[in-house]
């Protein structure tokens, strides 16, 4: 990793506004999506600024960097210091982060029997708690279960307060039966969840914010890998009524990045049309009763 790039990270962490062009495009997009960073546009110039230092530090660690030692790392990479010092600061000789906790959180709507390796487990977390699956490649669920990706943590940890949502998801995607539901969260953000989804036959339903950014997450992180045969975005029957009461500020902030994004899943056409017509977005937390 170049010293100039780490120096740009250090400037961001110190509260400075840093030009978009100082970062690889894909990294800048990652920071804007989940790294606690926002964009600032002045004419044709686009810059980045940290709005959540905690989230930004998590992002830096995902790149193998030590947030409180960025300046020291720049000094080592720019000088004649030993390779051993570089390895010590960057994690290894290629600056690859060591992931100490792979996997993703899971929750259930009602008891669910699953398998983790050779062990059979009855999942039934107490209200206010959930489980974390680290050995996800050996995690298996019943073939008739629907996997529901829940974007926001409040919705994920309080399934008992969203009975109407789960009933509607079962009606829309359950066919003739009443399938069990496994709730999954994409945090901490990594490709572990979609990697696991690609190894199982179960259908994935995305329950996220009803705004342009929420649709972008679904299209780029799930639909891109699972397609229409294996995934769908949950659109509640009352969403137009709720969008009419949604946030105009959110729409305006998101429009620059996502307003003209392609929509390869035609099932989302009506929802996207409503978002643009009302020029509003709606938080999924509104479904927590």
C-alpha atoms as a PDB file:
ATOM      1  CA  UNK A   1       0.000   0.000   0.000  1.00  0.00           C
ATOM      2  CA  UNK A   2       1.393   3.391  -1.016  1.00  0.00           C
ATOM      3  CA  UNK A   3       2.427   5.915   1.597  1.00  0.00           C
ATOM      4  CA  UNK A   4       0.451   8.626  -0.239  1.00  0.00           C
ATOM      5  CA  UNK A   5      -2.773   6.629   0.128  1.00  0.00           C
ATOM      6  CA  UNK A   6      -2.243   6.066   3.852  1.00  0.00           C
ATOM      7  CA  UNK A   7      -1.473   9.776   4.198  1.00  0.00           C
ATOM      8  CA  UNK A   8      -4.861  10.538   2.618  1.00  0.00           C
ATOM      9  CA  UNK A   9      -6.507   8.182   5.125  1.00  0.00           C
ATOM     10  CA  UNK A  10      -4.704   9.984   7.946  1.00  0.00           C
ATOM     11  CA  UNK A  11      -5.937  13.368   6.715  1.00  0.00           C
ATOM     12  CA  UNK A  12      -9.511  12.075   6.617  1.00  0.00           C
ATOM     13  CA  UNK A  13      -9.229  10.691  10.136  1.00  0.00           C
ATOM     14  CA  UNK A  14      -7.960  14.068  11.379  1.00  0.00           C
ATOM     15  CA  UNK A  15     -11.161  15.700  10.123  1.00  0.00           C
ATOM     16  CA  UNK A  16      -9.830  17.148   6.881  1.00  0.00           C
ATOM     17  CA  UNK A  17     -11.758  17.236   3.598  1.00  0.00           C
ATOM     18  CA  UNK A  18      -9.839  15.131   1.069  1.00  0.00           C
ATOM     19  CA  UNK A  19     -10.350  15.057  -2.727  1.00  0.00           C
ATOM     20  CA  UNK A  20     -12.147  11.981  -4.058  1.00  0.00           C
ATOM     21  CA  UNK A  21      -9.360  11.524  -6.612  1.00  0.00           C
ATOM     22  CA  UNK A  22      -6.785  10.613  -3.945  1.00  0.00           C
ATOM     23  CA  UNK A  23      -8.410   7.203  -3.451  1.00  0.00           C
ATOM     24  CA  UNK A  24      -9.043   4.226  -5.741  1.00  0.00           C
ATOM     25  CA  UNK A  25     -12.629   4.562  -6.976  1.00  0.00           C
ATOM     26  CA  UNK A  26     -13.760   1.258  -5.469  1.00  0.00           C
ATOM     27  CA  UNK A  27     -12.297   2.178  -2.082  1.00  0.00           C
ATOM     28  CA  UNK A  28     -13.972   5.585  -2.120  1.00  0.00           C
ATOM     29  CA  UNK A  29     -17.288   3.880  -2.899  1.00  0.00           C
ATOM     30  CA  UNK A  30     -16.756   1.473  -0.008  1.00  0.00           C
ATOM     31  CA  UNK A  31     -16.037   4.336   2.384  1.00  0.00           C
ATOM     32  CA  UNK A  32     -19.170   6.171   1.277  1.00  0.00           C
ATOM     33  CA  UNK A  33     -21.268   3.034   1.673  1.00  0.00           C
ATOM     34  CA  UNK A  34     -20.055   1.724   5.030  1.00  0.00           C
ATOM     35  CA  UNK A  35     -16.942   3.598   6.100  1.00  0.00           C
ATOM     36  CA  UNK A  36     -18.499   6.512   7.966  1.00  0.00           C
ATOM     37  CA  UNK A  37     -17.620   8.967   5.183  1.00  0.00           C
ATOM     38  CA  UNK A  38     -19.797  11.447   3.261  1.00  0.00           C
ATOM     39  CA  UNK A  39     -19.242  13.278  -0.012  1.00  0.00           C
ATOM     40  CA  UNK A  40     -19.017  17.037  -0.451  1.00  0.00           C
ATOM     41  CA  UNK A  41     -19.579  18.514  -3.895  1.00  0.00           C
ATOM     42  CA  UNK A  42     -18.521  22.011  -4.894  1.00  0.00           C
ATOM     43  CA  UNK A  43     -19.054  22.570  -8.591  1.00  0.00           C
ATOM     44  CA  UNK A  44     -17.183  19.835 -10.432  1.00  0.00           C
ATOM     45  CA  UNK A  45     -15.001  18.969  -7.424  1.00  0.00           C
ATOM     46  CA  UNK A  46     -15.943  16.078  -5.179  1.00  0.00           C
ATOM     47  CA  UNK A  47     -14.344  15.497  -1.782  1.00  0.00           C
ATOM     48  CA  UNK A  48     -14.719  13.122   1.155  1.00  0.00           C
ATOM     49  CA  UNK A  49     -15.092  13.847   4.866  1.00  0.00           C
ATOM     50  CA  UNK A  50     -15.415  11.529   7.865  1.00  0.00           C
ATOM     51  CA  UNK A  51     -18.751  11.780   9.684  1.00  0.00           C
ATOM     52  CA  UNK A  52     -18.293   8.719  11.936  1.00  0.00           C
ATOM     53  CA  UNK A  53     -14.782   8.106  13.202  1.00  0.00           C
ATOM     54  CA  UNK A  54     -15.757   4.784  14.755  1.00  0.00           C
ATOM     55  CA  UNK A  55     -17.075   3.445  11.433  1.00  0.00           C
ATOM     56  CA  UNK A  56     -14.044   4.825   9.613  1.00  0.00           C
ATOM     57  CA  UNK A  57     -11.686   3.063  12.025  1.00  0.00           C
ATOM     58  CA  UNK A  58     -13.485  -0.224  11.332  1.00  0.00           C
ATOM     59  CA  UNK A  59     -12.978   0.386   7.611  1.00  0.00           C
ATOM     60  CA  UNK A  60      -9.249   1.116   8.104  1.00  0.00           C
ATOM     61  CA  UNK A  61      -8.788  -2.112  10.061  1.00  0.00           C
ATOM     62  CA  UNK A  62     -10.488  -4.015   7.215  1.00  0.00           C
ATOM     63  CA  UNK A  63      -7.648  -2.742   5.021  1.00  0.00           C
ATOM     64  CA  UNK A  64      -4.995  -3.997   7.430  1.00  0.00           C
ATOM     65  CA  UNK A  65      -4.217  -0.566   8.910  1.00  0.00           C
ATOM     66  CA  UNK A  66      -3.913   0.531  12.521  1.00  0.00           C
ATOM     67  CA  UNK A  67      -6.032   3.693  12.797  1.00  0.00           C
ATOM     68  CA  UNK A  68      -3.969   5.306  15.562  1.00  0.00           C
ATOM     69  CA  UNK A  69      -0.660   4.628  13.775  1.00  0.00           C
ATOM     70  CA  UNK A  70      -1.322   6.004  10.297  1.00  0.00           C
ATOM     71  CA  UNK A  71       1.282   8.774  10.515  1.00  0.00           C
ATOM     72  CA  UNK A  72       3.846   6.315  11.815  1.00  0.00           C
ATOM     73  CA  UNK A  73       3.026   3.968   8.954  1.00  0.00           C
ATOM     74  CA  UNK A  74       3.502   6.779   6.418  1.00  0.00           C
ATOM     75  CA  UNK A  75       6.883   7.583   7.947  1.00  0.00           C
ATOM     76  CA  UNK A  76       8.017   3.972   7.781  1.00  0.00           C
ATOM     77  CA  UNK A  77       6.886   3.489   4.180  1.00  0.00           C
ATOM     78  CA  UNK A  78       8.431   6.773   3.066  1.00  0.00           C
ATOM     79  CA  UNK A  79      11.791   6.241   4.753  1.00  0.00           C
ATOM     80  CA  UNK A  80      14.502   3.669   4.916  1.00  0.00           C
ATOM     81  CA  UNK A  81      13.054   1.776   7.839  1.00  0.00           C
ATOM     82  CA  UNK A  82      13.306  -1.973   7.920  1.00  0.00           C
ATOM     83  CA  UNK A  83      10.896  -4.357   6.237  1.00  0.00           C
ATOM     84  CA  UNK A  84      10.201  -5.802   9.687  1.00  0.00           C
ATOM     85  CA  UNK A  85       8.803  -2.447  10.802  1.00  0.00           C
ATOM     86  CA  UNK A  86       6.553  -2.301   7.754  1.00  0.00           C
ATOM     87  CA  UNK A  87       5.239  -5.787   8.434  1.00  0.00           C
ATOM     88  CA  UNK A  88       4.629  -4.895  12.074  1.00  0.00           C
ATOM     89  CA  UNK A  89       2.551  -1.837  11.129  1.00  0.00           C
ATOM     90  CA  UNK A  90       0.722  -3.271   8.121  1.00  0.00           C
ATOM     91  CA  UNK A  91      -0.063  -6.713   9.475  1.00  0.00           C
ATOM     92  CA  UNK A  92       1.979  -8.606   6.858  1.00  0.00           C
ATOM     93  CA  UNK A  93       4.216  -7.937   3.882  1.00  0.00           C
ATOM     94  CA  UNK A  94       1.252  -7.377   1.572  1.00  0.00           C
ATOM     95  CA  UNK A  95      -0.858  -5.340   3.995  1.00  0.00           C
ATOM     96  CA  UNK A  96      -3.566  -8.005   4.137  1.00  0.00           C
ATOM     97  CA  UNK A  97      -5.841  -7.788   7.149  1.00  0.00           C
ATOM     98  CA  UNK A  98      -6.184 -10.878   9.334  1.00  0.00           C
ATOM     99  CA  UNK A  99      -9.859 -11.460  10.043  1.00  0.00           C
ATOM    100  CA  UNK A 100     -10.289 -12.560  13.617  1.00  0.00           C
ATOM    101  CA  UNK A 101     -14.070 -13.039  13.444  1.00  0.00           C
ATOM    102  CA  UNK A 102     -15.473 -14.178  10.092  1.00  0.00           C
ATOM    103  CA  UNK A 103     -19.167 -14.869   9.664  1.00  0.00           C
ATOM    104  CA  UNK A 104     -22.403 -12.994  10.325  1.00  0.00           C
ATOM    105  CA  UNK A 105     -25.233 -12.655  12.891  1.00  0.00           C
ATOM    106  CA  UNK A 106     -28.430 -14.707  12.595  1.00  0.00           C
ATOM    107  CA  UNK A 107     -31.830 -14.561  14.276  1.00  0.00           C
ATOM    108  CA  UNK A 108     -35.084 -16.474  13.928  1.00  0.00           C
ATOM    109  CA  UNK A 109     -38.833 -15.971  13.813  1.00  0.00           C
ATOM    110  CA  UNK A 110     -39.868 -18.915  15.946  1.00  0.00           C
ATOM    111  CA  UNK A 111     -37.659 -21.933  16.782  1.00  0.00           C
ATOM    112  CA  UNK A 112     -35.603 -23.318  13.904  1.00  0.00           C
ATOM    113  CA  UNK A 113     -33.575 -26.528  13.760  1.00  0.00           C
ATOM    114  CA  UNK A 114     -30.242 -26.028  11.942  1.00  0.00           C
ATOM    115  CA  UNK A 115     -26.947 -27.855  11.518  1.00  0.00           C
ATOM    116  CA  UNK A 116     -23.482 -26.518  12.283  1.00  0.00           C
ATOM    117  CA  UNK A 117     -21.007 -29.092  11.034  1.00  0.00           C
ATOM    118  CA  UNK A 118     -22.083 -32.449  12.461  1.00  0.00           C
ATOM    119  CA  UNK A 119     -24.141 -30.907  15.256  1.00  0.00           C
ATOM    120  CA  UNK A 120     -27.863 -30.288  15.222  1.00  0.00           C
ATOM    121  CA  UNK A 121     -28.893 -27.055  16.965  1.00  0.00           C
ATOM    122  CA  UNK A 122     -32.312 -25.695  17.880  1.00  0.00           C
ATOM    123  CA  UNK A 123     -32.142 -21.949  17.369  1.00  0.00           C
ATOM    124  CA  UNK A 124     -34.439 -20.047  19.705  1.00  0.00           C
ATOM    125  CA  UNK A 125     -32.714 -16.900  21.006  1.00  0.00           C
ATOM    126  CA  UNK A 126     -34.348 -15.004  23.832  1.00  0.00           C
ATOM    127  CA  UNK A 127     -35.913 -11.640  22.871  1.00  0.00           C
ATOM    128  CA  UNK A 128     -33.185  -9.014  22.646  1.00  0.00           C
ATOM    129  CA  UNK A 129     -30.476 -11.536  21.711  1.00  0.00           C
ATOM    130  CA  UNK A 130     -29.249 -13.292  18.584  1.00  0.00           C
ATOM    131  CA  UNK A 131     -26.510 -15.708  17.486  1.00  0.00           C
ATOM    132  CA  UNK A 132     -23.300 -15.247  15.504  1.00  0.00           C
ATOM    133  CA  UNK A 133     -22.267 -17.927  13.006  1.00  0.00           C
ATOM    134  CA  UNK A 134     -18.499 -17.966  12.558  1.00  0.00           C
ATOM    135  CA  UNK A 135     -18.094 -21.364  10.865  1.00  0.00           C
ATOM    136  CA  UNK A 136     -20.555 -20.290   8.171  1.00  0.00           C
ATOM    137  CA  UNK A 137     -19.354 -22.674   5.447  1.00  0.00           C
ATOM    138  CA  UNK A 138     -20.558 -25.559   7.618  1.00  0.00           C
ATOM    139  CA  UNK A 139     -23.869 -23.899   8.544  1.00  0.00           C
ATOM    140  CA  UNK A 140     -26.996 -25.468   7.009  1.00  0.00           C
ATOM    141  CA  UNK A 141     -30.708 -24.719   7.361  1.00  0.00           C
ATOM    142  CA  UNK A 142     -33.881 -26.548   6.253  1.00  0.00           C
ATOM    143  CA  UNK A 143     -34.329 -26.472   2.481  1.00  0.00           C
ATOM    144  CA  UNK A 144     -37.773 -24.851   2.787  1.00  0.00           C
ATOM    145  CA  UNK A 145     -36.567 -21.957   4.967  1.00  0.00           C
ATOM    146  CA  UNK A 146     -36.514 -18.421   3.596  1.00  0.00           C
ATOM    147  CA  UNK A 147     -33.395 -16.390   4.351  1.00  0.00           C
ATOM    148  CA  UNK A 148     -34.356 -12.791   5.115  1.00  0.00           C
ATOM    149  CA  UNK A 149     -31.579 -10.214   5.026  1.00  0.00           C
ATOM    150  CA  UNK A 150     -32.458  -7.480   7.526  1.00  0.00           C
ATOM    151  CA  UNK A 151     -30.561  -4.282   6.813  1.00  0.00           C
ATOM    152  CA  UNK A 152     -30.962  -2.295  10.035  1.00  0.00           C
ATOM    153  CA  UNK A 153     -29.974  -3.619  13.426  1.00  0.00           C
ATOM    154  CA  UNK A 154     -33.107  -2.470  15.244  1.00  0.00           C
ATOM    155  CA  UNK A 155     -35.279  -4.561  12.927  1.00  0.00           C
ATOM    156  CA  UNK A 156     -32.854  -7.488  13.129  1.00  0.00           C
ATOM    157  CA  UNK A 157     -32.765  -7.693  16.922  1.00  0.00           C
ATOM    158  CA  UNK A 158     -36.515  -7.144  17.493  1.00  0.00           C
ATOM    159  CA  UNK A 159     -38.247  -9.717  15.254  1.00  0.00           C
ATOM    160  CA  UNK A 160     -41.065 -10.202  17.780  1.00  0.00           C
ATOM    161  CA  UNK A 161     -42.231  -6.631  17.072  1.00  0.00           C
ATOM    162  CA  UNK A 162     -42.626  -7.123  13.308  1.00  0.00           C
ATOM    163  CA  UNK A 163     -45.076 -10.021  13.067  1.00  0.00           C
ATOM    164  CA  UNK A 164     -46.995  -8.375  10.210  1.00  0.00           C
ATOM    165  CA  UNK A 165     -43.804  -8.059   8.134  1.00  0.00           C
ATOM    166  CA  UNK A 166     -42.911 -11.736   8.492  1.00  0.00           C
ATOM    167  CA  UNK A 167     -46.461 -12.776   7.636  1.00  0.00           C
ATOM    168  CA  UNK A 168     -46.377 -10.675   4.471  1.00  0.00           C
ATOM    169  CA  UNK A 169     -42.961 -12.067   3.474  1.00  0.00           C
ATOM    170  CA  UNK A 170     -44.294 -15.596   3.887  1.00  0.00           C
ATOM    171  CA  UNK A 171     -47.364 -14.711   1.792  1.00  0.00           C
ATOM    172  CA  UNK A 172     -45.239 -13.196  -0.998  1.00  0.00           C
ATOM    173  CA  UNK A 173     -42.435 -15.750  -1.170  1.00  0.00           C
ATOM    174  CA  UNK A 174     -43.594 -18.869   0.688  1.00  0.00           C
ATOM    175  CA  UNK A 175     -45.588 -20.539  -2.054  1.00  0.00           C
ATOM    176  CA  UNK A 176     -48.296 -22.832  -0.718  1.00  0.00           C
ATOM    177  CA  UNK A 177     -46.661 -23.456   2.640  1.00  0.00           C
ATOM    178  CA  UNK A 178     -45.650 -21.474   5.709  1.00  0.00           C
ATOM    179  CA  UNK A 179     -41.847 -21.520   5.493  1.00  0.00           C
ATOM    180  CA  UNK A 180     -39.605 -20.979   8.511  1.00  0.00           C
ATOM    181  CA  UNK A 181     -37.622 -17.739   8.413  1.00  0.00           C
ATOM    182  CA  UNK A 182     -33.942 -17.250   9.169  1.00  0.00           C
ATOM    183  CA  UNK A 183     -32.969 -13.611   9.625  1.00  0.00           C
ATOM    184  CA  UNK A 184     -29.420 -12.635   8.660  1.00  0.00           C
ATOM    185  CA  UNK A 185     -27.436  -9.419   8.975  1.00  0.00           C
ATOM    186  CA  UNK A 186     -24.678  -8.183   6.651  1.00  0.00           C
ATOM    187  CA  UNK A 187     -22.752  -6.664   9.572  1.00  0.00           C
ATOM    188  CA  UNK A 188     -19.846  -6.768  10.059  1.00  0.00           C
ATOM    189  CA  UNK A 189     -19.838  -6.063   6.339  1.00  0.00           C
ATOM    190  CA  UNK A 190     -17.959  -8.646   4.313  1.00  0.00           C
ATOM    191  CA  UNK A 191     -18.656 -11.107   1.528  1.00  0.00           C
ATOM    192  CA  UNK A 192     -19.169 -13.955   4.028  1.00  0.00           C
ATOM    193  CA  UNK A 193     -22.962 -13.717   3.911  1.00  0.00           C
ATOM    194  CA  UNK A 194     -23.313 -13.819   0.131  1.00  0.00           C
ATOM    195  CA  UNK A 195     -20.605 -16.501  -0.060  1.00  0.00           C
ATOM    196  CA  UNK A 196     -22.720 -18.653   2.258  1.00  0.00           C
ATOM    197  CA  UNK A 197     -25.892 -17.894   0.298  1.00  0.00           C
ATOM    198  CA  UNK A 198     -24.185 -19.136  -2.853  1.00  0.00           C
ATOM    199  CA  UNK A 199     -23.534 -22.517  -1.194  1.00  0.00           C
ATOM    200  CA  UNK A 200     -27.158 -23.219  -0.184  1.00  0.00           C
ATOM    201  CA  UNK A 201     -30.349 -23.648  -2.268  1.00  0.00           C
ATOM    202  CA  UNK A 202     -32.552 -21.386  -0.132  1.00  0.00           C
ATOM    203  CA  UNK A 203     -34.226 -18.262  -1.492  1.00  0.00           C
ATOM    204  CA  UNK A 204     -33.008 -14.883  -0.209  1.00  0.00           C
ATOM    205  CA  UNK A 205     -35.371 -11.965   0.544  1.00  0.00           C
ATOM    206  CA  UNK A 206     -33.861  -8.522   1.160  1.00  0.00           C
ATOM    207  CA  UNK A 207     -35.665  -6.417   3.765  1.00  0.00           C
ATOM    208  CA  UNK A 208     -33.951  -3.038   3.769  1.00  0.00           C
ATOM    209  CA  UNK A 209     -34.590   0.686   3.686  1.00  0.00           C
ATOM    210  CA  UNK A 210     -37.005   1.769   0.983  1.00  0.00           C
ATOM    211  CA  UNK A 211     -34.752   4.323  -0.625  1.00  0.00           C
ATOM    212  CA  UNK A 212     -32.186   4.516  -3.408  1.00  0.00           C
ATOM    213  CA  UNK A 213     -29.278   3.452  -1.195  1.00  0.00           C
ATOM    214  CA  UNK A 214     -31.202   0.430   0.091  1.00  0.00           C
ATOM    215  CA  UNK A 215     -31.936  -0.680  -3.463  1.00  0.00           C
ATOM    216  CA  UNK A 216     -28.273  -0.175  -4.399  1.00  0.00           C
ATOM    217  CA  UNK A 217     -27.179  -2.450  -1.524  1.00  0.00           C
ATOM    218  CA  UNK A 218     -29.539  -5.181  -2.673  1.00  0.00           C
ATOM    219  CA  UNK A 219     -28.515  -4.938  -6.344  1.00  0.00           C
ATOM    220  CA  UNK A 220     -24.749  -4.788  -5.795  1.00  0.00           C
ATOM    221  CA  UNK A 221     -24.315  -7.113  -2.813  1.00  0.00           C
ATOM    222  CA  UNK A 222     -26.985  -9.775  -3.384  1.00  0.00           C
ATOM    223  CA  UNK A 223     -28.855  -9.657  -6.716  1.00  0.00           C
ATOM    224  CA  UNK A 224     -25.532  -9.376  -8.557  1.00  0.00           C
ATOM    225  CA  UNK A 225     -24.488 -12.811  -7.237  1.00  0.00           C
ATOM    226  CA  UNK A 226     -27.829 -14.601  -6.768  1.00  0.00           C
ATOM    227  CA  UNK A 227     -29.974 -13.299  -9.621  1.00  0.00           C
ATOM    228  CA  UNK A 228     -33.761 -13.244  -9.825  1.00  0.00           C
ATOM    229  CA  UNK A 229     -34.015 -17.018  -9.363  1.00  0.00           C
ATOM    230  CA  UNK A 230     -32.462 -16.866  -5.900  1.00  0.00           C
ATOM    231  CA  UNK A 231     -33.248 -13.391  -4.533  1.00  0.00           C
ATOM    232  CA  UNK A 232     -35.848 -10.631  -4.297  1.00  0.00           C
ATOM    233  CA  UNK A 233     -36.346  -7.255  -2.657  1.00  0.00           C
ATOM    234  CA  UNK A 234     -39.286  -7.212  -0.232  1.00  0.00           C
ATOM    235  CA  UNK A 235     -41.834  -4.516  -1.173  1.00  0.00           C
ATOM    236  CA  UNK A 236     -44.664  -4.262   1.401  1.00  0.00           C
ATOM    237  CA  UNK A 237     -48.204  -3.688   0.171  1.00  0.00           C
ATOM    238  CA  UNK A 238     -48.475  -0.376   2.035  1.00  0.00           C
ATOM    239  CA  UNK A 239     -45.141   1.053   0.870  1.00  0.00           C
ATOM    240  CA  UNK A 240     -46.652   3.839  -1.269  1.00  0.00           C
ATOM    241  CA  UNK A 241     -48.593   5.160   1.707  1.00  0.00           C
ATOM    242  CA  UNK A 242     -45.449   5.088   3.834  1.00  0.00           C
ATOM    243  CA  UNK A 243     -43.243   6.643   1.153  1.00  0.00           C
ATOM    244  CA  UNK A 244     -45.630   9.577   0.976  1.00  0.00           C
ATOM    245  CA  UNK A 245     -44.709  10.253   4.627  1.00  0.00           C
ATOM    246  CA  UNK A 246     -40.991   9.539   4.137  1.00  0.00           C
ATOM    247  CA  UNK A 247     -37.864  11.696   4.178  1.00  0.00           C
ATOM    248  CA  UNK A 248     -37.278  14.165   1.343  1.00  0.00           C
ATOM    249  CA  UNK A 249     -33.823  15.054   2.720  1.00  0.00           C
ATOM    250  CA  UNK A 250     -32.710  11.454   2.388  1.00  0.00           C
ATOM    251  CA  UNK A 251     -33.806  11.321  -1.235  1.00  0.00           C
ATOM    252  CA  UNK A 252     -31.970  14.537  -2.071  1.00  0.00           C
ATOM    253  CA  UNK A 253     -28.753  13.373  -0.387  1.00  0.00           C
ATOM    254  CA  UNK A 254     -28.839  10.010  -2.168  1.00  0.00           C
ATOM    255  CA  UNK A 255     -29.912  11.206  -5.599  1.00  0.00           C
ATOM    256  CA  UNK A 256     -26.443  12.361  -6.659  1.00  0.00           C
ATOM    257  CA  UNK A 257     -24.978   8.879  -6.203  1.00  0.00           C
ATOM    258  CA  UNK A 258     -27.913   6.608  -6.950  1.00  0.00           C
ATOM    259  CA  UNK A 259     -30.510   8.640  -8.831  1.00  0.00           C
ATOM    260  CA  UNK A 260     -29.507   7.320 -12.251  1.00  0.00           C
ATOM    261  CA  UNK A 261     -28.219   3.876 -11.318  1.00  0.00           C
ATOM    262  CA  UNK A 262     -29.290   1.014 -13.611  1.00  0.00           C
ATOM    263  CA  UNK A 263     -32.029  -1.253 -12.224  1.00  0.00           C
ATOM    264  CA  UNK A 264     -31.356  -4.735 -13.653  1.00  0.00           C
ATOM    265  CA  UNK A 265     -34.124  -6.317 -11.548  1.00  0.00           C
ATOM    266  CA  UNK A 266     -37.396  -5.327 -13.318  1.00  0.00           C
ATOM    267  CA  UNK A 267     -39.425  -6.282 -10.227  1.00  0.00           C
ATOM    268  CA  UNK A 268     -38.126  -3.072  -8.605  1.00  0.00           C
ATOM    269  CA  UNK A 269     -39.379  -0.759 -11.351  1.00  0.00           C
ATOM    270  CA  UNK A 270     -42.568   0.260  -9.537  1.00  0.00           C
ATOM    271  CA  UNK A 271     -40.804   0.904  -6.220  1.00  0.00           C
ATOM    272  CA  UNK A 272     -38.108   3.010  -7.887  1.00  0.00           C
ATOM    273  CA  UNK A 273     -40.795   4.960  -9.787  1.00  0.00           C
ATOM    274  CA  UNK A 274     -42.603   5.716  -6.507  1.00  0.00           C
ATOM    275  CA  UNK A 275     -39.393   6.845  -4.801  1.00  0.00           C
ATOM    276  CA  UNK A 276     -38.708   9.292  -7.638  1.00  0.00           C
ATOM    277  CA  UNK A 277     -42.324  10.435  -7.845  1.00  0.00           C
ATOM    278  CA  UNK A 278     -42.568  11.279  -4.143  1.00  0.00           C
ATOM    279  CA  UNK A 279     -38.864  12.216  -3.956  1.00  0.00           C
ATOM    280  CA  UNK A 280     -38.691  10.524  -0.577  1.00  0.00           C
ATOM    281  CA  UNK A 281     -37.213   7.495   1.166  1.00  0.00           C
ATOM    282  CA  UNK A 282     -38.609   5.457   4.048  1.00  0.00           C
ATOM    283  CA  UNK A 283     -36.707   3.782   6.905  1.00  0.00           C
ATOM    284  CA  UNK A 284     -37.459   0.127   7.484  1.00  0.00           C
ATOM    285  CA  UNK A 285     -37.429   0.883  11.235  1.00  0.00           C
ATOM    286  CA  UNK A 286     -40.918   2.300  10.638  1.00  0.00           C
ATOM    287  CA  UNK A 287     -42.141  -1.309  10.568  1.00  0.00           C
ATOM    288  CA  UNK A 288     -41.073  -1.966  14.166  1.00  0.00           C
ATOM    289  CA  UNK A 289     -44.316  -1.780  16.150  1.00  0.00           C
END
